[in-house]
Amino acid sequence: MLLQDYDTTIQFPATVVSTERITPASTDEVRELQFDVDKPGLKIEAGQSVGVLAPGQKEFGQKHHLRLYTIADLPEQKGALTRVKLCVKRCSYIDEYSGERYKGVASNWLCDLKPRARITMTGPYGLAFPVPEEKEANLLLIGAGTGIAPFRAFLKHLFGKQPPFEGKVRLFHGGRSGLDLLYKNEIKSDLALYYDKGTFAAIEAMSNRPHWSDDIDWSGAVQSRAKEIGALLDDVKTYIYVAGLAQIIEQLDKVFAKVLGSPTRWARRKAELVAGKRWVELVY
């Protein structure tokens, strides 16, 4: 679905409560922004996104510049307001024809906002990551870069439920280097909250050559637990949730085909996961 196809007729104001850089100064800037949203009855679940209407480029007759951002924590009620957190990476891109570098419109605007600034949001959009009904179900959660943000909210929801979730939870999270791992670096270490859960494990996936901007080595991370992952893929109670850039899907198809022994076997298994609603993608 293209951004221009999203319904933005329902709009609501939000106020910046705080903005904090959550990555070290030596790596790409990622900020966590908290907003108080003024929309009575707003309900947002883990895995869903809100739309942000950044100022448009007037020279192109653009009133607003829409971008979607996944909720990075469980929403909180603050009286009549709903407090939400967004995880935003300051982006830029290089024009393939001119070679010039341009700042990403929405990401830079958001990263430059100060507390008490007012913005306009829309949504929410997308499907939430469902908590399996089977209490012994297994979860493979895979997120690269800011793709880890929805899993932060999901884990809080998952381990905050009563009765407690009993299945295995394996979180694969990636970055070019350890400094790029959101919520597990010298600034933030939220994942440590779940290390005492006997069923939870977080596995890091890095680039083999971080200074060359190589792809994250998902194969190495998964292969380090190949026997366990193979058993989970063969278990009909296993669910796989993926978040991040769309290119991660092609990479994972190759990785899981290797774990199961052939692309044909993985294609068949993936089709079963999709048909059983046990494969959920939140990619962009």
C-alpha atoms as a PDB file:
ATOM      1  CA  MET A   1       0.000   0.000   0.000  1.00  0.00           C
ATOM      2  CA  LEU A   2       1.420   3.375  -1.052  1.00  0.00           C
ATOM      3  CA  LEU A   3       1.532   6.303   1.375  1.00  0.00           C
ATOM      4  CA  GLN A   4      -0.820   8.343  -0.811  1.00  0.00           C
ATOM      5  CA  ASP A   5      -3.434   5.598  -0.428  1.00  0.00           C
ATOM      6  CA  TYR A   6      -3.716   5.977   3.351  1.00  0.00           C
ATOM      7  CA  ASP A   7      -6.826   7.698   4.670  1.00  0.00           C
ATOM      8  CA  THR A   8      -5.748  10.841   6.534  1.00  0.00           C
ATOM      9  CA  THR A   9      -9.181  12.438   6.962  1.00  0.00           C
ATOM     10  CA  ILE A  10      -9.158  11.689  10.697  1.00  0.00           C
ATOM     11  CA  GLN A  11      -6.525  13.965  12.175  1.00  0.00           C
ATOM     12  CA  PHE A  12      -5.683  14.850  15.776  1.00  0.00           C
ATOM     13  CA  PRO A  13      -3.188  17.094  17.563  1.00  0.00           C
ATOM     14  CA  ALA A  14      -0.210  15.867  19.576  1.00  0.00           C
ATOM     15  CA  THR A  15       2.253  17.747  21.777  1.00  0.00           C
ATOM     16  CA  VAL A  16       5.936  16.861  22.201  1.00  0.00           C
ATOM     17  CA  VAL A  17       6.597  15.905  25.824  1.00  0.00           C
ATOM     18  CA  SER A  18      10.258  14.953  25.442  1.00  0.00           C
ATOM     19  CA  THR A  19      12.874  14.084  22.826  1.00  0.00           C
ATOM     20  CA  GLU A  20      15.939  11.988  23.601  1.00  0.00           C
ATOM     21  CA  ARG A  21      18.757  10.632  21.485  1.00  0.00           C
ATOM     22  CA  ILE A  22      19.009   6.878  22.150  1.00  0.00           C
ATOM     23  CA  THR A  23      22.125   6.120  20.092  1.00  0.00           C
ATOM     24  CA  PRO A  24      25.700   7.218  20.848  1.00  0.00           C
ATOM     25  CA  ALA A  25      27.115  10.287  19.085  1.00  0.00           C
ATOM     26  CA  SER A  26      29.500   8.077  17.104  1.00  0.00           C
ATOM     27  CA  THR A  27      26.733   6.388  15.104  1.00  0.00           C
ATOM     28  CA  ASP A  28      23.523   7.321  13.248  1.00  0.00           C
ATOM     29  CA  GLU A  29      21.168   9.529  15.225  1.00  0.00           C
ATOM     30  CA  VAL A  30      17.997   7.842  16.438  1.00  0.00           C
ATOM     31  CA  ARG A  31      15.673   9.690  18.781  1.00  0.00           C
ATOM     32  CA  GLU A  32      12.820   8.593  20.987  1.00  0.00           C
ATOM     33  CA  LEU A  33      10.048  11.180  21.087  1.00  0.00           C
ATOM     34  CA  GLN A  34       7.155  11.179  23.542  1.00  0.00           C
ATOM     35  CA  PHE A  35       3.867  12.802  22.552  1.00  0.00           C
ATOM     36  CA  ASP A  36       0.650  13.538  24.389  1.00  0.00           C
ATOM     37  CA  VAL A  37      -2.114  12.836  21.879  1.00  0.00           C
ATOM     38  CA  ASP A  38      -5.415  14.681  22.221  1.00  0.00           C
ATOM     39  CA  LYS A  39      -7.907  12.216  20.759  1.00  0.00           C
ATOM     40  CA  PRO A  40     -10.570  10.803  23.108  1.00  0.00           C
ATOM     41  CA  GLY A  41     -11.006   7.052  22.762  1.00  0.00           C
ATOM     42  CA  LEU A  42      -7.761   6.533  20.847  1.00  0.00           C
ATOM     43  CA  LYS A  43      -6.728   2.879  20.959  1.00  0.00           C
ATOM     44  CA  ILE A  44      -3.318   1.821  19.657  1.00  0.00           C
ATOM     45  CA  GLU A  45      -1.865  -1.674  19.991  1.00  0.00           C
ATOM     46  CA  ALA A  46       1.665  -3.054  19.714  1.00  0.00           C
ATOM     47  CA  GLY A  47       2.604  -3.336  16.042  1.00  0.00           C
ATOM     48  CA  GLN A  48       0.425  -0.472  14.844  1.00  0.00           C
ATOM     49  CA  SER A  49       1.610   2.830  13.411  1.00  0.00           C
ATOM     50  CA  VAL A  50       0.495   6.447  13.470  1.00  0.00           C
ATOM     51  CA  GLY A  51       0.835   8.873  10.612  1.00  0.00           C
ATOM     52  CA  VAL A  52       2.765  12.105  11.109  1.00  0.00           C
ATOM     53  CA  LEU A  53       1.877  15.064   8.890  1.00  0.00           C
ATOM     54  CA  ALA A  54       5.116  16.993   8.503  1.00  0.00           C
ATOM     55  CA  PRO A  55       5.057  20.354   6.687  1.00  0.00           C
ATOM     56  CA  GLY A  56       4.878  19.784   2.935  1.00  0.00           C
ATOM     57  CA  GLN A  57       7.131  21.196   0.235  1.00  0.00           C
ATOM     58  CA  LYS A  58       5.191  24.247  -0.912  1.00  0.00           C
ATOM     59  CA  GLU A  59       7.177  24.530  -4.142  1.00  0.00           C
ATOM     60  CA  PHE A  60       5.566  21.237  -5.188  1.00  0.00           C
ATOM     61  CA  GLY A  61       2.100  22.255  -3.999  1.00  0.00           C
ATOM     62  CA  GLN A  62       2.363  19.787  -1.112  1.00  0.00           C
ATOM     63  CA  LYS A  63       0.360  20.721   1.992  1.00  0.00           C
ATOM     64  CA  HIS A  64       1.561  17.821   4.122  1.00  0.00           C
ATOM     65  CA  HIS A  65       4.305  15.205   3.993  1.00  0.00           C
ATOM     66  CA  LEU A  66       2.947  11.931   5.412  1.00  0.00           C
ATOM     67  CA  ARG A  67       5.181   9.358   7.087  1.00  0.00           C
ATOM     68  CA  LEU A  68       4.245   6.357   9.223  1.00  0.00           C
ATOM     69  CA  TYR A  69       5.989   5.525  12.489  1.00  0.00           C
ATOM     70  CA  THR A  70       5.418   2.435  14.588  1.00  0.00           C
ATOM     71  CA  ILE A  71       4.519   2.902  18.232  1.00  0.00           C
ATOM     72  CA  ALA A  72       7.705   2.205  20.207  1.00  0.00           C
ATOM     73  CA  ASP A  73       6.137   1.502  23.600  1.00  0.00           C
ATOM     74  CA  LEU A  74       2.793   0.690  25.135  1.00  0.00           C
ATOM     75  CA  PRO A  75       0.579   3.801  25.155  1.00  0.00           C
ATOM     76  CA  GLU A  76      -0.198   5.350  28.539  1.00  0.00           C
ATOM     77  CA  GLN A  77      -3.273   7.275  29.613  1.00  0.00           C
ATOM     78  CA  LYS A  78      -2.492  10.685  31.063  1.00  0.00           C
ATOM     79  CA  GLY A  79      -5.916  11.928  32.056  1.00  0.00           C
ATOM     80  CA  ALA A  80      -7.778  12.686  28.839  1.00  0.00           C
ATOM     81  CA  LEU A  81      -4.569  12.376  26.817  1.00  0.00           C
ATOM     82  CA  THR A  82      -2.792   9.309  25.400  1.00  0.00           C
ATOM     83  CA  ARG A  83       1.000   9.308  25.662  1.00  0.00           C
ATOM     84  CA  VAL A  84       2.831   7.535  22.849  1.00  0.00           C
ATOM     85  CA  LYS A  85       6.503   7.087  21.948  1.00  0.00           C
ATOM     86  CA  LEU A  86       7.971   7.076  18.458  1.00  0.00           C
ATOM     87  CA  CYS A  87      11.440   5.926  17.421  1.00  0.00           C
ATOM     88  CA  VAL A  88      12.798   8.143  14.610  1.00  0.00           C
ATOM     89  CA  LYS A  89      16.075   7.839  12.711  1.00  0.00           C
ATOM     90  CA  ARG A  90      17.416  11.045  11.181  1.00  0.00           C
ATOM     91  CA  CYS A  91      17.604  10.118   7.496  1.00  0.00           C
ATOM     92  CA  SER A  92      19.101  11.485   4.313  1.00  0.00           C
ATOM     93  CA  TYR A  93      19.267  10.187   0.764  1.00  0.00           C
ATOM     94  CA  ILE A  94      21.433  10.719  -2.296  1.00  0.00           C
ATOM     95  CA  ASP A  95      19.770  11.685  -5.567  1.00  0.00           C
ATOM     96  CA  GLU A  96      20.687   8.971  -8.081  1.00  0.00           C
ATOM     97  CA  TYR A  97      20.930  11.485 -10.925  1.00  0.00           C
ATOM     98  CA  SER A  98      22.607  14.545  -9.385  1.00  0.00           C
ATOM     99  CA  GLY A  99      24.547  12.764  -6.650  1.00  0.00           C
ATOM    100  CA  GLU A 100      23.416  15.428  -4.167  1.00  0.00           C
ATOM    101  CA  ARG A 101      22.531  14.495  -0.593  1.00  0.00           C
ATOM    102  CA  TYR A 102      19.138  15.615   0.694  1.00  0.00           C
ATOM    103  CA  LYS A 103      17.726  15.495   4.199  1.00  0.00           C
ATOM    104  CA  GLY A 104      14.695  13.288   4.798  1.00  0.00           C
ATOM    105  CA  VAL A 105      11.771  15.697   5.228  1.00  0.00           C
ATOM    106  CA  ALA A 106       9.778  14.085   8.053  1.00  0.00           C
ATOM    107  CA  SER A 107      12.621  12.467  10.001  1.00  0.00           C
ATOM    108  CA  ASN A 108      14.703  15.641  10.228  1.00  0.00           C
ATOM    109  CA  TRP A 109      11.656  17.742  11.102  1.00  0.00           C
ATOM    110  CA  LEU A 110      10.710  15.350  13.902  1.00  0.00           C
ATOM    111  CA  CYS A 111      14.264  15.053  15.232  1.00  0.00           C
ATOM    112  CA  ASP A 112      14.514  18.857  15.414  1.00  0.00           C
ATOM    113  CA  LEU A 113      11.274  19.317  17.386  1.00  0.00           C
ATOM    114  CA  LYS A 114      11.469  20.708  20.908  1.00  0.00           C
ATOM    115  CA  PRO A 115       9.245  19.958  23.916  1.00  0.00           C
ATOM    116  CA  ARG A 116       5.816  21.635  23.764  1.00  0.00           C
ATOM    117  CA  ALA A 117       5.859  21.696  19.946  1.00  0.00           C
ATOM    118  CA  ARG A 118       2.493  20.786  18.403  1.00  0.00           C
ATOM    119  CA  ILE A 119       2.084  18.446  15.446  1.00  0.00           C
ATOM    120  CA  THR A 120      -0.736  16.657  13.627  1.00  0.00           C
ATOM    121  CA  MET A 121      -1.120  12.869  13.575  1.00  0.00           C
ATOM    122  CA  THR A 122      -3.460  10.433  11.822  1.00  0.00           C
ATOM    123  CA  GLY A 123      -4.302   6.750  12.228  1.00  0.00           C
ATOM    124  CA  PRO A 124      -3.671   4.334  13.761  1.00  0.00           C
ATOM    125  CA  TYR A 125      -2.810   2.003  10.881  1.00  0.00           C
ATOM    126  CA  GLY A 126      -1.832  -1.613  10.434  1.00  0.00           C
ATOM    127  CA  LEU A 127      -2.427  -4.838  12.284  1.00  0.00           C
ATOM    128  CA  ALA A 128      -1.220  -5.383  15.796  1.00  0.00           C
ATOM    129  CA  PHE A 129       1.136  -8.260  16.585  1.00  0.00           C
ATOM    130  CA  PRO A 130      -1.249 -10.771  18.168  1.00  0.00           C
ATOM    131  CA  VAL A 131      -0.348 -12.679  21.315  1.00  0.00           C
ATOM    132  CA  PRO A 132      -0.953 -16.357  20.414  1.00  0.00           C
ATOM    133  CA  GLU A 133      -3.876 -17.980  22.184  1.00  0.00           C
ATOM    134  CA  GLU A 134      -1.764 -21.068  22.955  1.00  0.00           C
ATOM    135  CA  LYS A 135       0.175 -20.284  26.130  1.00  0.00           C
ATOM    136  CA  GLU A 136       2.940 -22.724  25.025  1.00  0.00           C
ATOM    137  CA  ALA A 137       3.378 -21.116  21.584  1.00  0.00           C
ATOM    138  CA  ASN A 138       6.848 -20.027  20.456  1.00  0.00           C
ATOM    139  CA  LEU A 139       7.741 -16.632  19.022  1.00  0.00           C
ATOM    140  CA  LEU A 140      10.560 -15.661  16.671  1.00  0.00           C
ATOM    141  CA  LEU A 141      10.760 -11.855  16.648  1.00  0.00           C
ATOM    142  CA  ILE A 142      13.088 -10.311  14.051  1.00  0.00           C
ATOM    143  CA  GLY A 143      13.784  -6.589  13.815  1.00  0.00           C
ATOM    144  CA  ALA A 144      16.584  -4.533  12.256  1.00  0.00           C
ATOM    145  CA  GLY A 145      17.390  -0.952  13.245  1.00  0.00           C
ATOM    146  CA  THR A 146      14.221   0.937  14.140  1.00  0.00           C
ATOM    147  CA  GLY A 147      12.352  -2.296  13.365  1.00  0.00           C
ATOM    148  CA  ILE A 148      13.055  -3.229  16.986  1.00  0.00           C
ATOM    149  CA  ALA A 149      10.705  -0.463  18.187  1.00  0.00           C
ATOM    150  CA  PRO A 150       7.395  -2.350  17.825  1.00  0.00           C
ATOM    151  CA  PHE A 151       8.900  -5.363  19.607  1.00  0.00           C
ATOM    152  CA  ARG A 152       9.772  -3.190  22.581  1.00  0.00           C
ATOM    153  CA  ALA A 153       6.058  -2.480  22.985  1.00  0.00           C
ATOM    154  CA  PHE A 154       5.114  -6.068  22.178  1.00  0.00           C
ATOM    155  CA  LEU A 155       7.461  -7.557  24.806  1.00  0.00           C
ATOM    156  CA  LYS A 156       6.059  -5.283  27.490  1.00  0.00           C
ATOM    157  CA  HIS A 157       2.584  -6.379  26.486  1.00  0.00           C
ATOM    158  CA  LEU A 158       3.562 -10.044  26.237  1.00  0.00           C
ATOM    159  CA  PHE A 159       5.277 -10.318  29.629  1.00  0.00           C
ATOM    160  CA  GLY A 160       2.789  -7.998  31.307  1.00  0.00           C
ATOM    161  CA  LYS A 161      -0.186 -10.214  30.519  1.00  0.00           C
ATOM    162  CA  GLN A 162      -1.837 -12.415  33.103  1.00  0.00           C
ATOM    163  CA  PRO A 163      -1.386 -15.347  33.098  1.00  0.00           C
ATOM    164  CA  PRO A 164       2.282 -15.035  32.011  1.00  0.00           C
ATOM    165  CA  PHE A 165       3.281 -16.188  28.530  1.00  0.00           C
ATOM    166  CA  GLU A 166       4.993 -19.586  28.790  1.00  0.00           C
ATOM    167  CA  GLY A 167       6.374 -20.232  25.283  1.00  0.00           C
ATOM    168  CA  LYS A 168       9.887 -19.611  24.012  1.00  0.00           C
ATOM    169  CA  VAL A 169      10.592 -16.071  22.799  1.00  0.00           C
ATOM    170  CA  ARG A 170      13.650 -15.492  20.609  1.00  0.00           C
ATOM    171  CA  LEU A 171      14.342 -11.890  19.608  1.00  0.00           C
ATOM    172  CA  PHE A 172      16.826 -11.340  16.770  1.00  0.00           C
ATOM    173  CA  HIS A 173      17.801  -7.672  16.560  1.00  0.00           C
ATOM    174  CA  GLY A 174      20.360  -6.173  14.230  1.00  0.00           C
ATOM    175  CA  GLY A 175      22.566  -3.213  13.430  1.00  0.00           C
ATOM    176  CA  ARG A 176      25.848  -2.474  11.674  1.00  0.00           C
ATOM    177  CA  SER A 177      27.583  -2.640  15.066  1.00  0.00           C
ATOM    178  CA  GLY A 178      26.741  -2.895  18.752  1.00  0.00           C
ATOM    179  CA  LEU A 179      26.393   0.889  18.901  1.00  0.00           C
ATOM    180  CA  ASP A 180      23.475   0.711  16.458  1.00  0.00           C
ATOM    181  CA  LEU A 181      21.461  -1.725  18.566  1.00  0.00           C
ATOM    182  CA  LEU A 182      18.515   0.299  19.804  1.00  0.00           C
ATOM    183  CA  TYR A 183      17.504  -0.248  23.427  1.00  0.00           C
ATOM    184  CA  LYS A 184      20.736  -2.182  24.036  1.00  0.00           C
ATOM    185  CA  ASN A 185      23.645   0.232  23.978  1.00  0.00           C
ATOM    186  CA  GLU A 186      25.340   2.628  26.388  1.00  0.00           C
ATOM    187  CA  ILE A 187      22.313   4.931  26.248  1.00  0.00           C
ATOM    188  CA  LYS A 188      19.458   2.413  26.516  1.00  0.00           C
ATOM    189  CA  SER A 189      19.310  -1.204  27.724  1.00  0.00           C
ATOM    190  CA  ASP A 190      15.607  -1.995  27.935  1.00  0.00           C
ATOM    191  CA  LEU A 191      16.024  -5.595  26.784  1.00  0.00           C
ATOM    192  CA  ALA A 192      17.738  -6.402  30.083  1.00  0.00           C
ATOM    193  CA  LEU A 193      14.303  -6.214  31.687  1.00  0.00           C
ATOM    194  CA  TYR A 194      13.496  -9.653  30.265  1.00  0.00           C
ATOM    195  CA  TYR A 195      16.765 -11.525  30.781  1.00  0.00           C
ATOM    196  CA  ASP A 196      15.413 -13.087  33.959  1.00  0.00           C
ATOM    197  CA  LYS A 197      12.615 -14.711  31.974  1.00  0.00           C
ATOM    198  CA  GLY A 198      13.644 -18.318  31.468  1.00  0.00           C
ATOM    199  CA  THR A 199      11.889 -18.436  28.101  1.00  0.00           C
ATOM    200  CA  PHE A 200      13.422 -15.264  26.616  1.00  0.00           C
ATOM    201  CA  ALA A 201      16.656 -14.781  24.705  1.00  0.00           C
ATOM    202  CA  ALA A 202      17.928 -11.842  22.614  1.00  0.00           C
ATOM    203  CA  ILE A 203      20.366 -12.641  19.802  1.00  0.00           C
ATOM    204  CA  GLU A 204      22.396  -9.871  18.164  1.00  0.00           C
ATOM    205  CA  ALA A 205      23.007  -9.738  14.409  1.00  0.00           C
ATOM    206  CA  MET A 206      25.736  -7.401  13.137  1.00  0.00           C
ATOM    207  CA  SER A 207      27.434  -6.494   9.877  1.00  0.00           C
ATOM    208  CA  ASN A 208      30.687  -8.356   9.299  1.00  0.00           C
ATOM    209  CA  ARG A 209      32.271  -5.085   8.129  1.00  0.00           C
ATOM    210  CA  PRO A 210      30.366  -2.257   9.853  1.00  0.00           C
ATOM    211  CA  HIS A 211      32.530   0.514   8.420  1.00  0.00           C
ATOM    212  CA  TRP A 212      31.711  -0.676   4.896  1.00  0.00           C
ATOM    213  CA  SER A 213      27.943  -0.568   5.531  1.00  0.00           C
ATOM    214  CA  ASP A 214      27.598  -4.244   4.653  1.00  0.00           C
ATOM    215  CA  ASP A 215      24.230  -5.924   5.212  1.00  0.00           C
ATOM    216  CA  ILE A 216      23.479  -7.269   8.657  1.00  0.00           C
ATOM    217  CA  ASP A 217      24.656 -10.867   8.979  1.00  0.00           C
ATOM    218  CA  TRP A 218      21.301 -12.514   9.658  1.00  0.00           C
ATOM    219  CA  SER A 219      22.658 -15.827   8.412  1.00  0.00           C
ATOM    220  CA  GLY A 220      25.418 -15.906  11.023  1.00  0.00           C
ATOM    221  CA  ALA A 221      23.041 -14.940  13.829  1.00  0.00           C
ATOM    222  CA  VAL A 222      20.453 -17.581  12.925  1.00  0.00           C
ATOM    223  CA  GLN A 223      23.069 -20.243  12.172  1.00  0.00           C
ATOM    224  CA  SER A 224      24.515 -19.722  15.656  1.00  0.00           C
ATOM    225  CA  ARG A 225      21.263 -21.287  16.877  1.00  0.00           C
ATOM    226  CA  ALA A 226      20.489 -23.369  13.797  1.00  0.00           C
ATOM    227  CA  LYS A 227      19.448 -26.514  15.665  1.00  0.00           C
ATOM    228  CA  GLU A 228      17.059 -24.645  17.947  1.00  0.00           C
ATOM    229  CA  ILE A 229      15.633 -22.492  15.140  1.00  0.00           C
ATOM    230  CA  GLY A 230      15.165 -25.554  12.937  1.00  0.00           C
ATOM    231  CA  ALA A 231      13.168 -27.226  15.707  1.00  0.00           C
ATOM    232  CA  LEU A 232      11.064 -24.100  16.184  1.00  0.00           C
ATOM    233  CA  LEU A 233      10.341 -23.879  12.455  1.00  0.00           C
ATOM    234  CA  ASP A 234       9.137 -27.487  12.554  1.00  0.00           C
ATOM    235  CA  ASP A 235       6.830 -26.742  15.497  1.00  0.00           C
ATOM    236  CA  VAL A 236       3.235 -25.943  14.513  1.00  0.00           C
ATOM    237  CA  LYS A 237       3.003 -23.673  17.564  1.00  0.00           C
ATOM    238  CA  THR A 238       5.713 -21.277  16.310  1.00  0.00           C
ATOM    239  CA  TYR A 239       4.869 -17.742  15.164  1.00  0.00           C
ATOM    240  CA  ILE A 240       7.281 -15.452  13.289  1.00  0.00           C
ATOM    241  CA  TYR A 241       6.945 -11.665  13.451  1.00  0.00           C
ATOM    242  CA  VAL A 242       9.235  -9.470  11.312  1.00  0.00           C
ATOM    243  CA  ALA A 243       9.728  -5.683  11.375  1.00  0.00           C
ATOM    244  CA  GLY A 244      12.087  -3.367   9.481  1.00  0.00           C
ATOM    245  CA  LEU A 245      13.034  -2.538   5.912  1.00  0.00           C
ATOM    246  CA  ALA A 246      11.336  -4.656   3.232  1.00  0.00           C
ATOM    247  CA  GLN A 247      14.692  -6.048   2.054  1.00  0.00           C
ATOM    248  CA  ILE A 248      14.884  -8.102   5.267  1.00  0.00           C
ATOM    249  CA  ILE A 249      12.264 -10.513   3.893  1.00  0.00           C
ATOM    250  CA  GLU A 250      14.430 -11.681   0.989  1.00  0.00           C
ATOM    251  CA  GLN A 251      17.387 -12.081   3.351  1.00  0.00           C
ATOM    252  CA  LEU A 252      15.370 -14.159   5.799  1.00  0.00           C
ATOM    253  CA  ASP A 253      14.004 -16.375   3.032  1.00  0.00           C
ATOM    254  CA  LYS A 254      17.592 -17.351   2.176  1.00  0.00           C
ATOM    255  CA  VAL A 255      18.520 -17.843   5.840  1.00  0.00           C
ATOM    256  CA  PHE A 256      15.553 -20.057   6.704  1.00  0.00           C
ATOM    257  CA  ALA A 257      15.942 -22.061   3.486  1.00  0.00           C
ATOM    258  CA  LYS A 258      19.471 -22.856   4.625  1.00  0.00           C
ATOM    259  CA  VAL A 259      18.274 -23.874   8.100  1.00  0.00           C
ATOM    260  CA  LEU A 260      15.607 -26.203   6.689  1.00  0.00           C
ATOM    261  CA  GLY A 261      17.870 -27.627   3.990  1.00  0.00           C
ATOM    262  CA  SER A 262      16.303 -26.276   0.802  1.00  0.00           C
ATOM    263  CA  PRO A 263      14.365 -23.288  -0.630  1.00  0.00           C
ATOM    264  CA  THR A 264      11.489 -25.625  -1.525  1.00  0.00           C
ATOM    265  CA  ARG A 265      11.077 -26.847   2.021  1.00  0.00           C
ATOM    266  CA  TRP A 266      11.179 -23.298   3.394  1.00  0.00           C
ATOM    267  CA  ALA A 267       8.681 -22.060   0.758  1.00  0.00           C
ATOM    268  CA  ARG A 268       6.276 -24.795   1.830  1.00  0.00           C
ATOM    269  CA  ARG A 269       6.778 -24.033   5.530  1.00  0.00           C
ATOM    270  CA  LYS A 270       6.375 -20.289   5.003  1.00  0.00           C
ATOM    271  CA  ALA A 271       3.146 -20.853   3.081  1.00  0.00           C
ATOM    272  CA  GLU A 272       1.849 -22.857   6.053  1.00  0.00           C
ATOM    273  CA  LEU A 273       2.854 -20.051   8.439  1.00  0.00           C
ATOM    274  CA  VAL A 274       1.135 -17.416   6.290  1.00  0.00           C
ATOM    275  CA  ALA A 275      -2.020 -19.510   5.862  1.00  0.00           C
ATOM    276  CA  GLY A 276      -2.174 -20.122   9.603  1.00  0.00           C
ATOM    277  CA  LYS A 277      -1.627 -16.414  10.349  1.00  0.00           C
ATOM    278  CA  ARG A 278       1.599 -17.334  12.118  1.00  0.00           C
ATOM    279  CA  TRP A 279       3.766 -15.099   9.896  1.00  0.00           C
ATOM    280  CA  VAL A 280       3.271 -11.341  10.352  1.00  0.00           C
ATOM    281  CA  GLU A 281       5.282  -8.656   8.527  1.00  0.00           C
ATOM    282  CA  LEU A 282       5.593  -5.021   9.489  1.00  0.00           C
ATOM    283  CA  VAL A 283       7.973  -3.801   6.784  1.00  0.00           C
ATOM    284  CA  TYR A 284       8.424  -0.565   4.874  1.00  0.00           C
END
